[in-house]
Structures are given as structure tokens and as C-alpha cells.
Amino acid sequence: YENLSKFYTISFLKKEDLDEHTLWKATNTISPSSMQVWLAKSIDQEEKYCKLDYSEIRGFSDDEFATREDIINIFNRIAEPDEVRMIKLMALRKYHPDYPSSNMKPDKPTLG
């Protein structure tokens, strides 16, 4: 979380906010029949695949990027985690390739 937050604003989106997420918007343009027949995906896939709870976290293994305790720490700071379906990352404006670095004040990042 600390590494990502140096470069992105991090938001946790609930079901009613999913239209803010590019991936969700893109997959939402696929017809329901194509989603089910051709792609073999459920219409409500965010309800099946995009939830996280303590029982799942307890089954996680530590890796080089995050420990189970790191994940629990972040999970505990999320308001209504059972309602969250996706994470939204927005690059801080100062890291955007089109941002004019000559106007950048390094101690106060500008959110884009």
C-alpha cells in the first residue's frame, strides 16, 4: 500500500461506484449472451470474483510484496469492506508522462 500510494491515489469502489472503473465499464459493454455463452462468465461476476473477507485473507501466504498482516492492516482500514468490489488506482499527476516536470514542486504532489 505504501509503495503504491507514492504513485497513485487508491480508492475502494463499492458496487454502486463501479462505473468509475475502466475495466468494469469496458466489460459492461459486452452483451449478456456473449458474456455467458462465448466468454463463459457470469453476468454478476463482480459478486462472485471481486469480494474479499477474513476467511480468504487467513488462507493467504506471505510473498515478497505483501504479508498477510499487511493485507489485514489495509483491510481493517476499508469502510464496509464487504461492499467493496474493485480497487481504483489513479496515477498522481506528477507521474503522468504529459505532466510538465518544470512546474512540479516535489514536496507537494498534485493529484490528477
Protein backbone atom coordinates (compact mmCIF):
# COMPACT_ATOMS: atom_id res chain seq x y z
CA TYR A 1 0.00 0.00 0.00
CA GLU A 2 2.74 2.44 0.96
CA ASN A 3 4.63 1.81 -2.31
CA LEU A 4 1.52 2.19 -4.46
CA SER A 5 0.38 5.31 -2.62
CA LYS A 6 3.61 7.07 -3.62
CA PHE A 7 2.44 6.93 -7.24
CA TYR A 8 -1.37 6.54 -7.11
CA THR A 9 -4.44 7.62 -5.23
CA ILE A 10 -6.12 4.42 -4.11
CA SER A 11 -9.90 4.07 -3.91
CA PHE A 12 -12.01 1.10 -2.93
CA LEU A 13 -15.16 1.05 -5.05
CA LYS A 14 -18.50 -0.31 -3.93
CA LYS A 15 -20.95 -1.86 -6.36
CA GLU A 16 -22.79 1.43 -6.90
CA ASP A 17 -19.47 3.13 -7.82
CA LEU A 18 -18.24 0.58 -10.36
CA ASP A 19 -18.94 2.88 -13.29
CA GLU A 20 -15.82 4.79 -12.16
CA HIS A 21 -13.66 1.76 -13.05
CA THR A 22 -12.44 1.44 -16.64
CA LEU A 23 -12.34 -2.37 -16.65
CA TRP A 24 -15.90 -2.61 -15.34
CA LYS A 25 -17.12 -0.06 -17.88
CA ALA A 26 -15.45 -1.97 -20.72
CA THR A 27 -16.81 -5.38 -19.71
CA ASN A 28 -20.23 -3.82 -19.18
CA THR A 29 -20.41 -3.11 -22.93
CA ILE A 30 -20.32 -6.85 -23.72
CA SER A 31 -23.75 -8.27 -24.42
CA PRO A 32 -25.13 -10.57 -21.70
CA SER A 33 -25.41 -13.51 -24.10
CA SER A 34 -21.79 -13.09 -25.27
CA MET A 35 -20.68 -12.80 -21.67
CA GLN A 36 -22.35 -16.06 -20.74
CA VAL A 37 -22.04 -18.17 -23.90
CA TRP A 38 -18.87 -17.06 -25.64
CA LEU A 39 -16.81 -15.93 -22.62
CA ALA A 40 -18.40 -18.34 -20.10
CA LYS A 41 -18.66 -15.58 -17.50
CA SER A 42 -21.47 -14.83 -15.13
CA ILE A 43 -23.40 -11.60 -15.60
CA ASP A 44 -22.79 -10.70 -11.95
CA GLN A 45 -19.13 -11.72 -11.93
CA GLU A 46 -18.14 -8.91 -9.53
CA GLU A 47 -20.36 -10.62 -6.93
CA LYS A 48 -18.53 -13.92 -7.43
CA TYR A 49 -14.93 -12.86 -8.07
CA CYS A 50 -14.50 -9.41 -6.56
CA LYS A 51 -15.16 -9.92 -2.87
CA LEU A 52 -12.69 -10.43 -0.06
CA ASP A 53 -13.26 -11.43 3.54
CA TYR A 54 -11.23 -12.51 6.57
CA SER A 55 -11.57 -16.22 5.80
CA GLU A 56 -9.87 -15.71 2.43
CA ILE A 57 -7.16 -13.48 3.90
CA ARG A 58 -6.34 -16.13 6.53
CA GLY A 59 -5.62 -18.54 3.67
CA PHE A 60 -3.11 -16.20 2.01
CA SER A 61 0.60 -16.89 2.04
CA ASP A 62 3.18 -14.18 2.54
CA ASP A 63 5.18 -13.25 -0.53
CA GLU A 64 7.94 -10.81 -1.40
CA PHE A 65 5.46 -7.93 -1.91
CA ALA A 66 2.99 -8.27 0.96
CA THR A 67 2.46 -10.25 4.11
CA ARG A 68 -0.87 -11.46 5.41
CA GLU A 69 -0.55 -8.90 8.21
CA ASP A 70 -0.06 -6.10 5.66
CA ILE A 71 -3.26 -7.14 3.91
CA ILE A 72 -5.22 -7.41 7.15
CA ASN A 73 -3.98 -3.96 8.19
CA ILE A 74 -5.29 -2.42 4.96
CA PHE A 75 -8.48 -4.48 5.04
CA ASN A 76 -9.25 -3.19 8.54
CA ARG A 77 -8.99 0.42 7.30
CA ILE A 78 -11.54 -0.03 4.50
CA ALA A 79 -15.01 1.27 5.31
CA GLU A 80 -17.55 -1.51 4.70
CA PRO A 81 -15.09 -3.97 3.14
CA ASP A 82 -17.88 -6.45 2.40
CA GLU A 83 -19.35 -3.88 -0.02
CA VAL A 84 -16.09 -3.23 -1.92
CA ARG A 85 -15.85 -4.82 -5.39
CA MET A 86 -12.82 -3.21 -7.07
CA ILE A 87 -9.77 -1.11 -6.40
CA LYS A 88 -9.26 2.04 -8.45
CA LEU A 89 -5.76 3.42 -8.94
CA MET A 90 -5.32 6.93 -10.31
CA ALA A 91 -1.77 7.97 -11.16
CA LEU A 92 -0.59 11.02 -9.32
CA ARG A 93 -0.41 13.79 -11.85
CA LYS A 94 3.30 14.37 -11.35
CA TYR A 95 3.98 10.85 -12.68
CA HIS A 96 1.84 11.25 -15.78
CA PRO A 97 4.08 11.34 -18.89
CA ASP A 98 2.41 14.51 -20.18
CA TYR A 99 2.84 16.44 -16.92
CA PRO A 100 5.32 19.32 -17.31
CA SER A 101 8.01 18.49 -14.78
CA SER A 102 9.32 22.07 -14.78
CA ASN A 103 6.21 23.16 -12.85
CA MET A 104 6.44 20.35 -10.30
CA LYS A 105 7.01 21.10 -6.62
CA PRO A 106 8.49 17.85 -5.29
CA ASP A 107 7.24 18.25 -1.73
CA LYS A 108 3.55 18.70 -2.71
CA PRO A 109 2.34 16.20 -5.31
CA THR A 110 -0.64 17.23 -7.40
CA LEU A 111 -3.40 14.68 -7.75
CA GLY A 112 -4.58 14.09 -11.29
